[in-house]
PDB file of N, CA and C in Angstrom:
ATOM      1  N   MET A   1      95.097 -90.068  14.280  1.00  0.00           N
ATOM      2  CA  MET A   1      95.133 -90.054  15.641  1.00  0.00           C
ATOM      3  C   MET A   1      94.090 -89.586  16.120  1.00  0.00           C
ATOM      4  N   GLU A   2      93.215 -89.788  16.982  1.00  0.00           N
ATOM      5  CA  GLU A   2      92.233 -89.223  18.317  1.00  0.00           C
ATOM      6  C   GLU A   2      93.071 -88.533  19.281  1.00  0.00           C
ATOM      7  N   ASN A   3      92.461 -87.388  20.305  1.00  0.00           N
ATOM      8  CA  ASN A   3      93.197 -87.574  21.428  1.00  0.00           C
ATOM      9  C   ASN A   3      92.064 -88.886  22.061  1.00  0.00           C
ATOM     10  N   PHE A   4      93.381 -88.879  22.851  1.00  0.00           N
ATOM     11  CA  PHE A   4      92.747 -90.118  23.493  1.00  0.00           C
ATOM     12  C   PHE A   4      93.230 -89.935  25.122  1.00  0.00           C
ATOM     13  N   ILE A   5      92.871 -90.305  25.733  1.00  0.00           N
ATOM     14  CA  ILE A   5      92.603 -90.387  27.989  1.00  0.00           C
ATOM     15  C   ILE A   5      92.586 -91.388  28.212  1.00  0.00           C
ATOM     16  N   PHE A   6      93.386 -92.157  29.423  1.00  0.00           N
ATOM     17  CA  PHE A   6      92.876 -92.901  30.030  1.00  0.00           C
ATOM     18  C   PHE A   6      93.137 -92.901  31.131  1.00  0.00           C
ATOM     19  N   GLU A   7      92.915 -94.068  32.569  1.00  0.00           N
ATOM     20  CA  GLU A   7      92.941 -93.413  33.296  1.00  0.00           C
ATOM     21  C   GLU A   7      93.039 -95.036  34.066  1.00  0.00           C
ATOM     22  N   THR A   8      94.290 -95.229  34.912  1.00  0.00           N
ATOM     23  CA  THR A   8      95.030 -96.623  35.063  1.00  0.00           C
ATOM     24  C   THR A   8      94.004 -96.665  37.011  1.00  0.00           C
ATOM     25  N   GLU A   9      94.676 -98.038  37.338  1.00  0.00           N
ATOM     26  CA  GLU A   9      93.613 -98.708  38.281  1.00  0.00           C
ATOM     27  C   GLU A   9      94.297 -97.742  39.888  1.00  0.00           C
ATOM     28  N   VAL A  10      95.465 -96.659  40.135  1.00  0.00           N
ATOM     29  CA  VAL A  10      96.075 -95.892  41.117  1.00  0.00           C
ATOM     30  C   VAL A  10      95.949 -94.011  40.262  1.00  0.00           C
ATOM     31  N   TYR A  11      94.344 -94.038  39.807  1.00  0.00           N
ATOM     32  CA  TYR A  11      93.890 -92.765  39.972  1.00  0.00           C
ATOM     33  C   TYR A  11      95.158 -91.920  39.159  1.00  0.00           C
ATOM     34  N   SER A  12      96.351 -92.634  38.397  1.00  0.00           N
ATOM     35  CA  SER A  12      97.196 -92.250  37.749  1.00  0.00           C
ATOM     36  C   SER A  12      96.457 -91.525  36.064  1.00  0.00           C
ATOM     37  N   TRP A  13      96.732 -89.725  35.024  1.00  0.00           N
ATOM     38  CA  TRP A  13      95.695 -90.393  34.487  1.00  0.00           C
ATOM     39  C   TRP A  13      96.585 -89.806  33.157  1.00  0.00           C
ATOM     40  N   PHE A  14      96.667 -90.107  32.273  1.00  0.00           N
ATOM     41  CA  PHE A  14      97.529 -89.830  30.822  1.00  0.00           C
ATOM     42  C   PHE A  14      96.730 -89.503  29.450  1.00  0.00           C
ATOM     43  N   PHE A  15      96.902 -88.697  28.589  1.00  0.00           N
ATOM     44  CA  PHE A  15      96.437 -87.406  27.443  1.00  0.00           C
ATOM     45  C   PHE A  15      97.213 -87.663  26.742  1.00  0.00           C
ATOM     46  N   LEU A  16      97.063 -88.154  25.819  1.00  0.00           N
ATOM     47  CA  LEU A  16      97.718 -88.366  24.902  1.00  0.00           C
ATOM     48  C   LEU A  16      97.241 -87.016  23.656  1.00  0.00           C
ATOM     49  N   PHE A  17      97.930 -86.078  22.715  1.00  0.00           N
ATOM     50  CA  PHE A  17      97.092 -85.852  22.309  1.00  0.00           C
ATOM     51  C   PHE A  17      97.048 -86.167  20.742  1.00  0.00           C
ATOM     52  N   GLU A  18      96.729 -85.499  19.429  1.00  0.00           N
ATOM     53  CA  GLU A  18      96.534 -86.293  18.491  1.00  0.00           C
ATOM     54  C   GLU A  18      97.724 -85.766  17.590  1.00  0.00           C
ATOM     55  N   GLY A  19      98.302 -84.029  18.061  1.00  0.00           N
ATOM     56  CA  GLY A  19      99.947 -84.479  17.529  1.00  0.00           C
ATOM     57  C   GLY A  19     100.506 -85.793  18.009  1.00  0.00           C
ATOM     58  N   GLY A  20     100.508 -86.072  19.319  1.00  0.00           N
ATOM     59  CA  GLY A  20     101.342 -86.662  19.528  1.00  0.00           C
ATOM     60  C   GLY A  20     102.320 -86.143  21.381  1.00  0.00           C
ATOM     61  N   GLU A  21     101.435 -85.349  21.747  1.00  0.00           N
ATOM     62  CA  GLU A  21     102.101 -84.396  22.528  1.00  0.00           C
ATOM     63  C   GLU A  21     101.495 -85.425  24.110  1.00  0.00           C
ATOM     64  N   LEU A  22     101.976 -85.903  25.209  1.00  0.00           N
ATOM     65  CA  LEU A  22     101.427 -86.697  25.941  1.00  0.00           C
ATOM     66  C   LEU A  22     101.466 -86.016  27.631  1.00  0.00           C
ATOM     67  N   PHE A  23     100.188 -85.894  28.385  1.00  0.00           N
ATOM     68  CA  PHE A  23     100.290 -85.370  29.469  1.00  0.00           C
ATOM     69  C   PHE A  23      99.971 -85.775  30.453  1.00  0.00           C
ATOM     70  N   THR A  24     100.082 -85.681  31.791  1.00  0.00           N
ATOM     71  CA  THR A  24     100.359 -86.946  33.211  1.00  0.00           C
ATOM     72  C   THR A  24      99.638 -85.810  33.752  1.00  0.00           C
ATOM     73  N   TRP A  25      98.618 -86.061  35.176  1.00  0.00           N
ATOM     74  CA  TRP A  25      99.040 -86.139  36.289  1.00  0.00           C
ATOM     75  C   TRP A  25      97.805 -86.840  36.989  1.00  0.00           C
ATOM     76  N   GLY A  26      97.825 -86.480  38.396  1.00  0.00           N
ATOM     77  CA  GLY A  26      97.107 -87.805  39.593  1.00  0.00           C
ATOM     78  C   GLY A  26      97.874 -88.222  40.286  1.00  0.00           C
ATOM     79  N   ASN A  27      97.894 -89.730  40.709  1.00  0.00           N
ATOM     80  CA  ASN A  27      98.719 -90.509  41.633  1.00  0.00           C
ATOM     81  C   ASN A  27     100.660 -90.635  40.774  1.00  0.00           C
ATOM     82  N   ASN A  28     101.242 -90.221  42.062  1.00  0.00           N
ATOM     83  CA  ASN A  28     102.491 -90.697  41.093  1.00  0.00           C
ATOM     84  C   ASN A  28     104.201 -90.909  42.177  1.00  0.00           C
ATOM     85  N   SER A  29     103.227 -91.341  42.758  1.00  0.00           N
ATOM     86  CA  SER A  29     103.759 -92.336  44.254  1.00  0.00           C
ATOM     87  C   SER A  29     104.942 -93.094  43.825  1.00  0.00           C
ATOM     88  N   HIS A  30     104.824 -93.294  42.428  1.00  0.00           N
ATOM     89  CA  HIS A  30     106.457 -94.210  41.848  1.00  0.00           C
ATOM     90  C   HIS A  30     106.903 -93.734  40.806  1.00  0.00           C
ATOM     91  N   GLY A  31     105.929 -92.551  40.054  1.00  0.00           N
ATOM     92  CA  GLY A  31     106.650 -91.716  39.152  1.00  0.00           C
ATOM     93  C   GLY A  31     106.390 -91.928  38.145  1.00  0.00           C
ATOM     94  N   GLN A  32     105.245 -92.648  38.313  1.00  0.00           N
ATOM     95  CA  GLN A  32     104.421 -92.906  37.193  1.00  0.00           C
ATOM     96  C   GLN A  32     103.500 -92.083  35.567  1.00  0.00           C
ATOM     97  N   LEU A  33     104.443 -91.439  36.268  1.00  0.00           N
ATOM     98  CA  LEU A  33     103.757 -90.200  35.320  1.00  0.00           C
ATOM     99  C   LEU A  33     104.605 -89.861  34.616  1.00  0.00           C
ATOM    100  N   GLY A  34     106.171 -89.503  35.037  1.00  0.00           N
ATOM    101  CA  GLY A  34     106.699 -89.751  33.606  1.00  0.00           C
ATOM    102  C   GLY A  34     106.987 -87.821  33.314  1.00  0.00           C
ATOM    103  N   SER A  35     107.351 -87.298  34.880  1.00  0.00           N
ATOM    104  CA  SER A  35     107.033 -86.008  34.815  1.00  0.00           C
ATOM    105  C   SER A  35     108.901 -85.124  35.611  1.00  0.00           C
ATOM    106  N   GLY A  36     109.610 -86.255  35.713  1.00  0.00           N
ATOM    107  CA  GLY A  36     109.957 -86.009  37.080  1.00  0.00           C
ATOM    108  C   GLY A  36     110.934 -85.702  38.065  1.00  0.00           C
ATOM    109  N   SER A  37     109.175 -85.138  38.461  1.00  0.00           N
ATOM    110  CA  SER A  37     109.289 -84.921  39.862  1.00  0.00           C
ATOM    111  C   SER A  37     109.315 -86.290  40.912  1.00  0.00           C
ATOM    112  N   GLN A  38     109.361 -85.474  42.064  1.00  0.00           N
ATOM    113  CA  GLN A  38     109.065 -87.089  42.733  1.00  0.00           C
ATOM    114  C   GLN A  38     107.681 -86.443  44.022  1.00  0.00           C
ATOM    115  N   ILE A  39     106.916 -85.075  43.967  1.00  0.00           N
ATOM    116  CA  ILE A  39     106.244 -85.028  44.120  1.00  0.00           C
ATOM    117  C   ILE A  39     104.451 -86.439  44.175  1.00  0.00           C
ATOM    118  N   THR A  40     104.389 -86.412  44.460  1.00  0.00           N
ATOM    119  CA  THR A  40     103.219 -87.520  45.150  1.00  0.00           C
ATOM    120  C   THR A  40     102.175 -87.685  44.576  1.00  0.00           C
ATOM    121  N   PHE A  41     101.765 -87.067  44.624  1.00  0.00           N
ATOM    122  CA  PHE A  41     100.675 -86.672  43.035  1.00  0.00           C
ATOM    123  C   PHE A  41     100.260 -84.911  42.616  1.00  0.00           C
ATOM    124  N   LEU A  42     100.491 -85.351  41.371  1.00  0.00           N
ATOM    125  CA  LEU A  42     100.064 -83.597  40.509  1.00  0.00           C
ATOM    126  C   LEU A  42      98.451 -83.243  39.756  1.00  0.00           C
ATOM    127  N   LYS A  43      98.158 -82.051  40.656  1.00  0.00           N
ATOM    128  CA  LYS A  43      96.692 -81.533  40.308  1.00  0.00           C
ATOM    129  C   LYS A  43      96.512 -81.521  39.320  1.00  0.00           C
ATOM    130  N   MET A  44      98.183 -80.871  37.906  1.00  0.00           N
ATOM    131  CA  MET A  44      96.687 -80.215  37.212  1.00  0.00           C
ATOM    132  C   MET A  44      97.553 -81.038  36.243  1.00  0.00           C
ATOM    133  N   PRO A  45      97.414 -81.445  35.060  1.00  0.00           N
ATOM    134  CA  PRO A  45      98.535 -81.939  33.487  1.00  0.00           C
ATOM    135  C   PRO A  45      99.756 -80.850  33.051  1.00  0.00           C
ATOM    136  N   GLN A  46     100.467 -81.980  33.068  1.00  0.00           N
ATOM    137  CA  GLN A  46     101.890 -81.507  33.055  1.00  0.00           C
ATOM    138  C   GLN A  46     102.139 -82.434  31.704  1.00  0.00           C
ATOM    139  N   LEU A  47     102.725 -81.897  30.884  1.00  0.00           N
ATOM    140  CA  LEU A  47     103.647 -82.029  29.501  1.00  0.00           C
ATOM    141  C   LEU A  47     105.224 -83.498  29.911  1.00  0.00           C
ATOM    142  N   VAL A  48     105.099 -84.173  29.302  1.00  0.00           N
ATOM    143  CA  VAL A  48     106.189 -85.114  29.452  1.00  0.00           C
ATOM    144  C   VAL A  48     107.077 -84.537  28.837  1.00  0.00           C
ATOM    145  N   LYS A  49     107.758 -84.081  29.498  1.00  0.00           N
ATOM    146  CA  LYS A  49     109.067 -82.869  28.749  1.00  0.00           C
ATOM    147  C   LYS A  49     110.084 -83.418  28.272  1.00  0.00           C
ATOM    148  N   ASP A  50     110.239 -84.418  28.907  1.00  0.00           N
ATOM    149  CA  ASP A  50     111.036 -85.460  28.475  1.00  0.00           C
ATOM    150  C   ASP A  50     110.815 -86.010  26.884  1.00  0.00           C
ATOM    151  N   LEU A  51     110.574 -86.569  26.723  1.00  0.00           N
ATOM    152  CA  LEU A  51     108.522 -86.847  24.864  1.00  0.00           C
ATOM    153  C   LEU A  51     108.835 -85.386  23.988  1.00  0.00           C
ATOM    154  N   GLN A  52     109.291 -84.329  25.104  1.00  0.00           N
ATOM    155  CA  GLN A  52     108.635 -82.945  23.674  1.00  0.00           C
ATOM    156  C   GLN A  52     108.911 -83.560  23.473  1.00  0.00           C
ATOM    157  N   GLY A  53     108.503 -82.960  22.055  1.00  0.00           N
ATOM    158  CA  GLY A  53     109.198 -82.418  20.604  1.00  0.00           C
ATOM    159  C   GLY A  53     109.249 -84.094  19.800  1.00  0.00           C
ATOM    160  N   ILE A  54     109.118 -85.845  20.255  1.00  0.00           N
ATOM    161  CA  ILE A  54     108.830 -86.941  20.201  1.00  0.00           C
ATOM    162  C   ILE A  54     107.252 -87.055  20.245  1.00  0.00           C
ATOM    163  N   PRO A  55     107.268 -87.545  19.282  1.00  0.00           N
ATOM    164  CA  PRO A  55     105.668 -88.168  18.632  1.00  0.00           C
ATOM    165  C   PRO A  55     105.405 -89.038  18.687  1.00  0.00           C
ATOM    166  N   VAL A  56     104.325 -89.383  19.739  1.00  0.00           N
ATOM    167  CA  VAL A  56     103.388 -90.400  20.498  1.00  0.00           C
ATOM    168  C   VAL A  56     103.178 -91.294  20.033  1.00  0.00           C
ATOM    169  N   ALA A  57     103.241 -92.132  19.330  1.00  0.00           N
ATOM    170  CA  ALA A  57     101.904 -93.650  18.748  1.00  0.00           C
ATOM    171  C   ALA A  57     101.059 -94.559  19.902  1.00  0.00           C
ATOM    172  N   GLN A  58     101.822 -94.663  20.680  1.00  0.00           N
ATOM    173  CA  GLN A  58     101.117 -95.399  22.189  1.00  0.00           C
ATOM    174  C   GLN A  58     101.062 -95.879  23.381  1.00  0.00           C
ATOM    175  N   ILE A  59     100.667 -95.500  24.410  1.00  0.00           N
ATOM    176  CA  ILE A  59     101.436 -95.293  25.387  1.00  0.00           C
ATOM    177  C   ILE A  59     100.238 -96.871  26.051  1.00  0.00           C
ATOM    178  N   ALA A  60     100.673 -97.274  27.216  1.00  0.00           N
ATOM    179  CA  ALA A  60     100.727 -98.350  28.379  1.00  0.00           C
ATOM    180  C   ALA A  60     101.082 -97.765  29.709  1.00  0.00           C
ATOM    181  N   ALA A  61     100.154 -98.695  29.889  1.00  0.00           N
ATOM    182  CA  ALA A  61     100.768 -98.115  31.240  1.00  0.00           C
ATOM    183  C   ALA A  61     100.204 -99.012  32.980  1.00  0.00           C
ATOM    184  N   GLY A  62     101.153 -99.447  33.417  1.00  0.00           N
ATOM    185  CA  GLY A  62     100.628-100.948  33.897  1.00  0.00           C
ATOM    186  C   GLY A  62     100.056 -99.838  35.475  1.00  0.00           C
ATOM    187  N   GLY A  63     100.177-100.816  36.943  1.00  0.00           N
ATOM    188  CA  GLY A  63      99.749 -99.674  37.893  1.00  0.00           C
ATOM    189  C   GLY A  63     100.535 -98.435  38.627  1.00  0.00           C
ATOM    190  N   ALA A  64     101.905 -98.926  38.080  1.00  0.00           N
ATOM    191  CA  ALA A  64     102.764 -97.947  38.568  1.00  0.00           C
ATOM    192  C   ALA A  64     104.114 -97.474  38.046  1.00  0.00           C
ATOM    193  N   HIS A  65     104.021 -97.861  36.952  1.00  0.00           N
ATOM    194  CA  HIS A  65     104.717 -97.701  35.955  1.00  0.00           C
ATOM    195  C   HIS A  65     103.950 -97.492  34.329  1.00  0.00           C
ATOM    196  N   CYS A  66     105.087 -96.947  33.213  1.00  0.00           N
ATOM    197  CA  CYS A  66     104.162 -96.787  31.743  1.00  0.00           C
ATOM    198  C   CYS A  66     105.413 -97.212  31.022  1.00  0.00           C
ATOM    199  N   LEU A  67     105.251 -97.503  29.392  1.00  0.00           N
ATOM    200  CA  LEU A  67     105.466 -98.154  28.505  1.00  0.00           C
ATOM    201  C   LEU A  67     104.773 -96.507  27.813  1.00  0.00           C
ATOM    202  N   VAL A  68     106.019 -96.020  26.306  1.00  0.00           N
ATOM    203  CA  VAL A  68     105.388 -95.382  25.547  1.00  0.00           C
ATOM    204  C   VAL A  68     105.953 -95.710  23.803  1.00  0.00           C
ATOM    205  N   LEU A  69     106.093 -96.410  23.377  1.00  0.00           N
ATOM    206  CA  LEU A  69     105.775 -95.930  21.688  1.00  0.00           C
ATOM    207  C   LEU A  69     105.828 -95.197  20.840  1.00  0.00           C
ATOM    208  N   SER A  70     106.824 -94.602  20.548  1.00  0.00           N
ATOM    209  CA  SER A  70     106.965 -92.960  19.642  1.00  0.00           C
ATOM    210  C   SER A  70     106.701 -93.716  18.286  1.00  0.00           C
ATOM    211  N   LEU A  71     106.857 -92.876  17.606  1.00  0.00           N
ATOM    212  CA  LEU A  71     105.825 -93.202  16.166  1.00  0.00           C
ATOM    213  C   LEU A  71     107.727 -93.752  14.376  1.00  0.00           C
ATOM    214  N   SER A  72     108.341 -92.795  15.850  1.00  0.00           N
ATOM    215  CA  SER A  72     109.770 -93.720  15.066  1.00  0.00           C
ATOM    216  C   SER A  72     110.009 -94.849  15.056  1.00  0.00           C
ATOM    217  N   GLY A  73     109.266 -95.644  16.663  1.00  0.00           N
ATOM    218  CA  GLY A  73     109.588 -97.254  16.663  1.00  0.00           C
ATOM    219  C   GLY A  73     110.391 -96.626  18.618  1.00  0.00           C
ATOM    220  N   ALA A  74     110.738 -95.958  18.558  1.00  0.00           N
ATOM    221  CA  ALA A  74     112.388 -95.337  20.198  1.00  0.00           C
ATOM    222  C   ALA A  74     110.802 -96.347  21.251  1.00  0.00           C
ATOM    223  N   VAL A  75     110.999 -96.742  22.235  1.00  0.00           N
ATOM    224  CA  VAL A  75     110.590 -97.412  23.442  1.00  0.00           C
ATOM    225  C   VAL A  75     110.943 -96.221  24.672  1.00  0.00           C
ATOM    226  N   TYR A  76     110.231 -95.324  25.193  1.00  0.00           N
ATOM    227  CA  TYR A  76     110.476 -94.923  26.198  1.00  0.00           C
ATOM    228  C   TYR A  76     110.012 -95.818  27.632  1.00  0.00           C
ATOM    229  N   SER A  77     110.565 -95.763  28.647  1.00  0.00           N
ATOM    230  CA  SER A  77     109.846 -96.305  30.679  1.00  0.00           C
ATOM    231  C   SER A  77     110.071 -95.044  31.048  1.00  0.00           C
ATOM    232  N   TRP A  78     109.052 -95.484  32.036  1.00  0.00           N
ATOM    233  CA  TRP A  78     109.474 -94.335  33.499  1.00  0.00           C
ATOM    234  C   TRP A  78     108.788 -95.305  34.904  1.00  0.00           C
ATOM    235  N   GLY A  79     108.998 -95.012  35.744  1.00  0.00           N
ATOM    236  CA  GLY A  79     107.700 -96.144  37.198  1.00  0.00           C
ATOM    237  C   GLY A  79     108.448 -96.717  37.817  1.00  0.00           C
ATOM    238  N   LYS A  80     107.566 -97.397  38.713  1.00  0.00           N
ATOM    239  CA  LYS A  80     108.000 -98.874  39.143  1.00  0.00           C
ATOM    240  C   LYS A  80     108.898 -99.675  38.649  1.00  0.00           C
ATOM    241  N   ASN A  81     110.125-100.088  39.295  1.00  0.00           N
ATOM    242  CA  ASN A  81     110.846-101.238  38.071  1.00  0.00           C
ATOM    243  C   ASN A  81     111.290-102.080  39.198  1.00  0.00           C
ATOM    244  N   SER A  82     110.350-102.693  40.281  1.00  0.00           N
ATOM    245  CA  SER A  82     110.711-103.854  41.154  1.00  0.00           C
ATOM    246  C   SER A  82     111.233-104.788  40.253  1.00  0.00           C
ATOM    247  N   PHE A  83     110.449-105.530  39.182  1.00  0.00           N
ATOM    248  CA  PHE A  83     110.641-106.994  39.246  1.00  0.00           C
ATOM    249  C   PHE A  83     111.563-106.342  37.189  1.00  0.00           C
ATOM    250  N   GLY A  84     112.009-104.818  36.828  1.00  0.00           N
ATOM    251  CA  GLY A  84     112.465-105.225  35.921  1.00  0.00           C
ATOM    252  C   GLY A  84     111.430-104.917  34.943  1.00  0.00           C
ATOM    253  N   GLN A  85     110.267-104.517  35.222  1.00  0.00           N
ATOM    254  CA  GLN A  85     109.238-104.073  34.391  1.00  0.00           C
ATOM    255  C   GLN A  85     109.781-102.994  32.769  1.00  0.00           C
ATOM    256  N   LEU A  86     110.620-102.282  33.473  1.00  0.00           N
ATOM    257  CA  LEU A  86     110.662-101.212  32.732  1.00  0.00           C
ATOM    258  C   LEU A  86     112.105-101.646  31.840  1.00  0.00           C
ATOM    259  N   GLY A  87     112.285-102.712  31.597  1.00  0.00           N
ATOM    260  CA  GLY A  87     113.136-103.371  30.451  1.00  0.00           C
ATOM    261  C   GLY A  87     114.516-102.594  30.126  1.00  0.00           C
ATOM    262  N   LEU A  88     114.789-101.941  31.117  1.00  0.00           N
ATOM    263  CA  LEU A  88     115.694-101.265  31.164  1.00  0.00           C
ATOM    264  C   LEU A  88     117.691-102.146  32.250  1.00  0.00           C
ATOM    265  N   GLY A  89     116.999-103.601  32.018  1.00  0.00           N
ATOM    266  CA  GLY A  89     118.258-104.684  32.546  1.00  0.00           C
ATOM    267  C   GLY A  89     118.910-103.707  33.917  1.00  0.00           C
ATOM    268  N   HIS A  90     117.745-103.408  35.155  1.00  0.00           N
ATOM    269  CA  HIS A  90     118.209-103.075  36.644  1.00  0.00           C
ATOM    270  C   HIS A  90     116.581-102.864  36.891  1.00  0.00           C
ATOM    271  N   THR A  91     116.973-103.125  38.647  1.00  0.00           N
ATOM    272  CA  THR A  91     115.067-102.609  38.867  1.00  0.00           C
ATOM    273  C   THR A  91     115.333-101.626  39.701  1.00  0.00           C
ATOM    274  N   LYS A  92     116.248-100.888  38.934  1.00  0.00           N
ATOM    275  CA  LYS A  92     116.177 -99.481  39.871  1.00  0.00           C
ATOM    276  C   LYS A  92     115.187 -98.482  39.254  1.00  0.00           C
ATOM    277  N   GLY A  93     113.530 -97.640  39.948  1.00  0.00           N
ATOM    278  CA  GLY A  93     112.890 -96.880  39.673  1.00  0.00           C
ATOM    279  C   GLY A  93     113.019 -95.584  38.763  1.00  0.00           C
ATOM    280  N   ILE A  94     112.863 -95.020  38.280  1.00  0.00           N
ATOM    281  CA  ILE A  94     112.954 -93.809  36.889  1.00  0.00           C
ATOM    282  C   ILE A  94     111.884 -93.434  37.345  1.00  0.00           C
ATOM    283  N   PHE A  95     111.904 -91.889  37.802  1.00  0.00           N
ATOM    284  CA  PHE A  95     110.647 -90.427  37.572  1.00  0.00           C
ATOM    285  C   PHE A  95     111.129 -89.672  36.531  1.00  0.00           C
ATOM    286  N   ASP A  96     111.890 -90.392  35.814  1.00  0.00           N
ATOM    287  CA  ASP A  96     112.480 -89.557  34.065  1.00  0.00           C
ATOM    288  C   ASP A  96     111.254 -90.341  32.950  1.00  0.00           C
ATOM    289  N   ALA A  97     111.135 -89.658  31.816  1.00  0.00           N
ATOM    290  CA  ALA A  97     110.781 -91.263  30.729  1.00  0.00           C
ATOM    291  C   ALA A  97     112.644 -91.623  30.079  1.00  0.00           C
ATOM    292  N   CYS A  98     112.693 -93.030  30.102  1.00  0.00           N
ATOM    293  CA  CYS A  98     114.336 -92.811  29.419  1.00  0.00           C
ATOM    294  C   CYS A  98     113.967 -94.074  28.589  1.00  0.00           C
ATOM    295  N   GLU A  99     115.324 -94.069  27.009  1.00  0.00           N
ATOM    296  CA  GLU A  99     114.230 -94.653  26.049  1.00  0.00           C
ATOM    297  C   GLU A  99     115.781 -96.021  26.215  1.00  0.00           C
ATOM    298  N   GLN A 100     114.738 -96.979  25.366  1.00  0.00           N
ATOM    299  CA  GLN A 100     115.048 -98.389  26.141  1.00  0.00           C
ATOM    300  C   GLN A 100     115.891 -98.264  24.533  1.00  0.00           C
ATOM    301  N   ASN A 101     116.798 -99.190  24.587  1.00  0.00           N
ATOM    302  CA  ASN A 101     118.391 -99.731  23.615  1.00  0.00           C
ATOM    303  C   ASN A 101     117.281-100.933  22.957  1.00  0.00           C
ATOM    304  N   THR A 102     116.259 -99.850  22.036  1.00  0.00           N
ATOM    305  CA  THR A 102     115.479-101.506  21.591  1.00  0.00           C
ATOM    306  C   THR A 102     114.878-100.428  20.902  1.00  0.00           C
ATOM    307  N   GLU A 103     114.114-100.425  19.942  1.00  0.00           N
ATOM    308  CA  GLU A 103     113.632 -99.855  18.514  1.00  0.00           C
ATOM    309  C   GLU A 103     111.654-101.660  18.243  1.00  0.00           C
ATOM    310  N   VAL A 104     111.524-101.014  18.401  1.00  0.00           N
ATOM    311  CA  VAL A 104     109.811-101.461  17.459  1.00  0.00           C
ATOM    312  C   VAL A 104     109.365-101.024  16.024  1.00  0.00           C
ATOM    313  N   GLU A 105     108.949-102.264  15.696  1.00  0.00           N
ATOM    314  CA  GLU A 105     108.089-101.470  14.229  1.00  0.00           C
ATOM    315  C   GLU A 105     107.458-101.061  14.030  1.00  0.00           C
ATOM    316  N   VAL A 106     106.961-100.014  13.805  1.00  0.00           N
ATOM    317  CA  VAL A 106     105.656 -99.446  13.647  1.00  0.00           C
ATOM    318  C   VAL A 106     104.973-100.144  13.287  1.00  0.00           C
ATOM    319  N   GLY A 107     103.199 -99.949  14.231  1.00  0.00           N
ATOM    320  CA  GLY A 107     102.451-100.792  14.248  1.00  0.00           C
ATOM    321  C   GLY A 107     102.281-101.706  15.305  1.00  0.00           C
ATOM    322  N   MET A 108     103.723-102.189  15.766  1.00  0.00           N
ATOM    323  CA  MET A 108     103.453-102.806  17.184  1.00  0.00           C
ATOM    324  C   MET A 108     103.148-102.118  18.131  1.00  0.00           C
ATOM    325  N   GLN A 109     103.009-103.449  18.980  1.00  0.00           N
ATOM    326  CA  GLN A 109     102.131-102.572  20.076  1.00  0.00           C
ATOM    327  C   GLN A 109     102.618-102.934  21.487  1.00  0.00           C
ATOM    328  N   VAL A 110     103.261-101.388  22.450  1.00  0.00           N
ATOM    329  CA  VAL A 110     103.858-102.055  23.663  1.00  0.00           C
ATOM    330  C   VAL A 110     101.770-102.141  24.483  1.00  0.00           C
ATOM    331  N   VAL A 111     102.625-103.201  25.823  1.00  0.00           N
ATOM    332  CA  VAL A 111     101.260-103.793  26.628  1.00  0.00           C
ATOM    333  C   VAL A 111     102.170-103.899  28.418  1.00  0.00           C
ATOM    334  N   CYS A 112     101.525-103.418  29.506  1.00  0.00           N
ATOM    335  CA  CYS A 112     101.616-102.802  30.729  1.00  0.00           C
ATOM    336  C   CYS A 112     101.054-103.779  31.289  1.00  0.00           C
ATOM    337  N   TRP A 113     101.133-104.591  32.437  1.00  0.00           N
ATOM    338  CA  TRP A 113     100.626-105.220  33.792  1.00  0.00           C
ATOM    339  C   TRP A 113     101.089-104.982  34.471  1.00  0.00           C
TER     340      TRP A 113
END
């Protein structure tokens, strides 16, 4: 895996290092950075601490939410959840990475709209 960076349409940035560490910065108005902070804009990249030590295989981000697939197949989500898009069984927004009660096979993909 190579280093990977991308930006969402609402000025949130995600940087996935080759070793699987995820850093985020930018707009955090709905917790979409997974930093655990309720600060609405993070100026400097911050490690998603809830995923520290968990190698990330893939990340997908919508306008205000995010899904992560770990190398082991665990799925994590956070951010705005008005329509249950985080897959957690409720509609409460989450500012911290929350492991879903599901696993997917490595090689599958997670997608956000």
